[in-house]
Amino acid sequence: MKMADNISKTVSETNSKEYEDMYRKSRICLTYSDKFWRKDVDFIDGKCYYKGKEVEVK
């Protein structure tokens, strides 16, 4: 395997993992809020926070 192929594969895997993580976070948080993309909702340690207050995921 060439160095360029190896780098490309690593970048692709990283992007895929980041995408999957963001998708998982958004699925959880979007179950109760459409404001996730406006940064009002945070996902920290498996919990969702809306404007700094912890909220229960339904």
N, C-alpha and C. Protein backbone atom coordinates (compact mmCIF):
# COMPACT_ATOMS: atom_id res chain seq x y z
N MET A 1 0.85 -1.18 0.00
CA MET A 1 0.00 0.00 0.00
C MET A 1 0.89 1.24 0.00
N LYS A 2 0.57 2.18 -0.86
CA LYS A 2 1.34 3.41 -0.95
C LYS A 2 1.01 4.31 0.24
N MET A 3 1.95 5.19 0.54
CA MET A 3 1.76 6.13 1.65
C MET A 3 0.51 6.99 1.42
N ALA A 4 0.33 7.47 0.20
CA ALA A 4 -0.83 8.31 -0.12
C ALA A 4 -2.13 7.55 0.08
N ASP A 5 -2.15 6.27 -0.30
CA ASP A 5 -3.35 5.45 -0.10
C ASP A 5 -3.64 5.27 1.37
N ASN A 6 -2.59 5.07 2.15
CA ASN A 6 -2.74 4.89 3.59
C ASN A 6 -3.30 6.15 4.24
N ILE A 7 -2.77 7.31 3.85
CA ILE A 7 -3.25 8.58 4.39
C ILE A 7 -4.71 8.80 4.00
N SER A 8 -5.02 8.54 2.74
CA SER A 8 -6.39 8.70 2.26
C SER A 8 -7.35 7.81 3.04
N LYS A 9 -6.94 6.57 3.29
CA LYS A 9 -7.78 5.64 4.05
C LYS A 9 -7.99 6.14 5.47
N THR A 10 -6.93 6.65 6.11
CA THR A 10 -7.02 7.16 7.48
C THR A 10 -7.96 8.35 7.55
N VAL A 11 -7.83 9.27 6.60
CA VAL A 11 -8.70 10.45 6.56
C VAL A 11 -10.15 10.03 6.36
N SER A 12 -10.37 9.09 5.45
CA SER A 12 -11.72 8.60 5.18
C SER A 12 -12.33 7.95 6.42
N GLU A 13 -11.55 7.14 7.14
CA GLU A 13 -12.05 6.50 8.35
C GLU A 13 -12.36 7.53 9.43
N THR A 14 -11.51 8.55 9.57
CA THR A 14 -11.72 9.59 10.56
C THR A 14 -13.00 10.35 10.25
N ASN A 15 -13.18 10.75 8.99
CA ASN A 15 -14.38 11.48 8.60
C ASN A 15 -15.62 10.64 8.84
N SER A 16 -15.53 9.35 8.56
CA SER A 16 -16.66 8.46 8.76
C SER A 16 -17.03 8.36 10.24
N LYS A 17 -16.02 8.23 11.10
CA LYS A 17 -16.28 8.15 12.53
C LYS A 17 -16.87 9.44 13.06
N GLU A 18 -16.34 10.59 12.60
CA GLU A 18 -16.88 11.87 13.03
C GLU A 18 -18.32 12.04 12.56
N TYR A 19 -18.60 11.63 11.33
CA TYR A 19 -19.95 11.71 10.79
C TYR A 19 -20.91 10.84 11.60
N GLU A 20 -20.49 9.60 11.88
CA GLU A 20 -21.33 8.69 12.65
C GLU A 20 -21.60 9.24 14.04
N ASP A 21 -20.59 9.83 14.67
CA ASP A 21 -20.75 10.40 16.01
C ASP A 21 -21.72 11.58 15.97
N MET A 22 -21.56 12.46 14.99
CA MET A 22 -22.45 13.61 14.87
C MET A 22 -23.88 13.16 14.57
N TYR A 23 -24.03 12.14 13.73
CA TYR A 23 -25.35 11.62 13.41
C TYR A 23 -26.02 11.05 14.66
N ARG A 24 -25.25 10.30 15.46
CA ARG A 24 -25.79 9.72 16.69
C ARG A 24 -26.21 10.83 17.66
N LYS A 25 -25.37 11.83 17.82
CA LYS A 25 -25.69 12.94 18.72
C LYS A 25 -26.94 13.68 18.25
N SER A 26 -26.98 13.96 16.96
CA SER A 26 -28.12 14.71 16.45
C SER A 26 -29.41 13.92 16.55
N ARG A 27 -29.35 12.61 16.33
CA ARG A 27 -30.56 11.78 16.45
C ARG A 27 -31.10 11.84 17.87
N ILE A 28 -30.21 11.75 18.84
CA ILE A 28 -30.64 11.78 20.24
C ILE A 28 -31.20 13.14 20.59
N CYS A 29 -30.47 14.20 20.27
CA CYS A 29 -30.89 15.53 20.68
C CYS A 29 -32.08 16.05 19.88
N LEU A 30 -32.19 15.66 18.63
CA LEU A 30 -33.30 16.14 17.81
C LEU A 30 -34.63 15.48 18.18
N THR A 31 -34.60 14.50 19.07
CA THR A 31 -35.86 13.88 19.47
C THR A 31 -36.71 14.86 20.27
N TYR A 32 -36.10 15.91 20.80
CA TYR A 32 -36.87 16.86 21.58
C TYR A 32 -36.61 18.31 21.21
N SER A 33 -35.66 18.59 20.33
CA SER A 33 -35.37 19.99 20.02
C SER A 33 -34.93 20.16 18.58
N ASP A 34 -35.45 21.18 17.93
CA ASP A 34 -35.00 21.50 16.58
C ASP A 34 -33.91 22.57 16.61
N LYS A 35 -33.45 22.92 17.80
CA LYS A 35 -32.46 23.97 17.94
C LYS A 35 -31.03 23.43 18.02
N PHE A 36 -30.85 22.12 17.83
CA PHE A 36 -29.53 21.50 17.94
C PHE A 36 -28.51 22.18 17.03
N TRP A 37 -28.91 22.45 15.81
CA TRP A 37 -27.96 23.02 14.83
C TRP A 37 -27.66 24.47 15.11
N ARG A 38 -28.46 25.12 15.96
CA ARG A 38 -28.18 26.51 16.32
C ARG A 38 -27.32 26.59 17.58
N LYS A 39 -26.77 25.47 17.98
CA LYS A 39 -25.85 25.37 19.12
C LYS A 39 -26.53 25.62 20.46
N ASP A 40 -27.85 25.61 20.53
CA ASP A 40 -28.54 25.72 21.81
C ASP A 40 -28.50 24.40 22.56
N VAL A 41 -28.32 23.30 21.83
CA VAL A 41 -28.31 21.98 22.43
C VAL A 41 -26.89 21.42 22.37
N ASP A 42 -26.41 20.93 23.51
CA ASP A 42 -25.09 20.31 23.59
C ASP A 42 -25.25 18.86 23.98
N PHE A 43 -24.32 18.04 23.54
CA PHE A 43 -24.31 16.62 23.87
C PHE A 43 -22.99 16.34 24.58
N ILE A 44 -23.05 16.10 25.89
CA ILE A 44 -21.84 15.91 26.69
C ILE A 44 -22.00 14.64 27.53
N ASP A 45 -21.04 13.74 27.40
CA ASP A 45 -21.02 12.50 28.19
C ASP A 45 -22.33 11.73 28.11
N GLY A 46 -22.91 11.64 26.93
CA GLY A 46 -24.12 10.86 26.74
C GLY A 46 -25.39 11.54 27.23
N LYS A 47 -25.30 12.81 27.60
CA LYS A 47 -26.48 13.55 28.07
C LYS A 47 -26.67 14.78 27.19
N CYS A 48 -27.92 15.19 27.03
CA CYS A 48 -28.22 16.38 26.25
C CYS A 48 -28.50 17.55 27.19
N TYR A 49 -28.01 18.71 26.78
CA TYR A 49 -28.22 19.93 27.54
C TYR A 49 -28.82 20.97 26.61
N TYR A 50 -29.89 21.61 27.05
CA TYR A 50 -30.51 22.68 26.29
C TYR A 50 -30.26 23.99 27.03
N LYS A 51 -29.53 24.89 26.39
CA LYS A 51 -29.14 26.17 26.98
C LYS A 51 -28.53 25.97 28.36
N GLY A 52 -27.67 24.97 28.49
CA GLY A 52 -26.93 24.74 29.73
C GLY A 52 -27.64 23.91 30.78
N LYS A 53 -28.90 23.57 30.56
CA LYS A 53 -29.65 22.76 31.53
C LYS A 53 -29.84 21.36 30.96
N GLU A 54 -29.60 20.36 31.81
CA GLU A 54 -29.75 18.97 31.36
C GLU A 54 -31.22 18.68 31.08
N VAL A 55 -31.45 18.00 29.97
CA VAL A 55 -32.82 17.62 29.61
C VAL A 55 -32.87 16.12 29.41
N GLU A 56 -34.02 15.55 29.65
CA GLU A 56 -34.21 14.11 29.51
C GLU A 56 -34.54 13.78 28.06
N VAL A 57 -33.86 12.80 27.53
CA VAL A 57 -34.12 12.36 26.16
C VAL A 57 -35.32 11.44 26.18
N LYS A 58 -36.30 11.76 25.34
CA LYS A 58 -37.54 10.98 25.30
C LYS A 58 -37.38 9.78 24.41
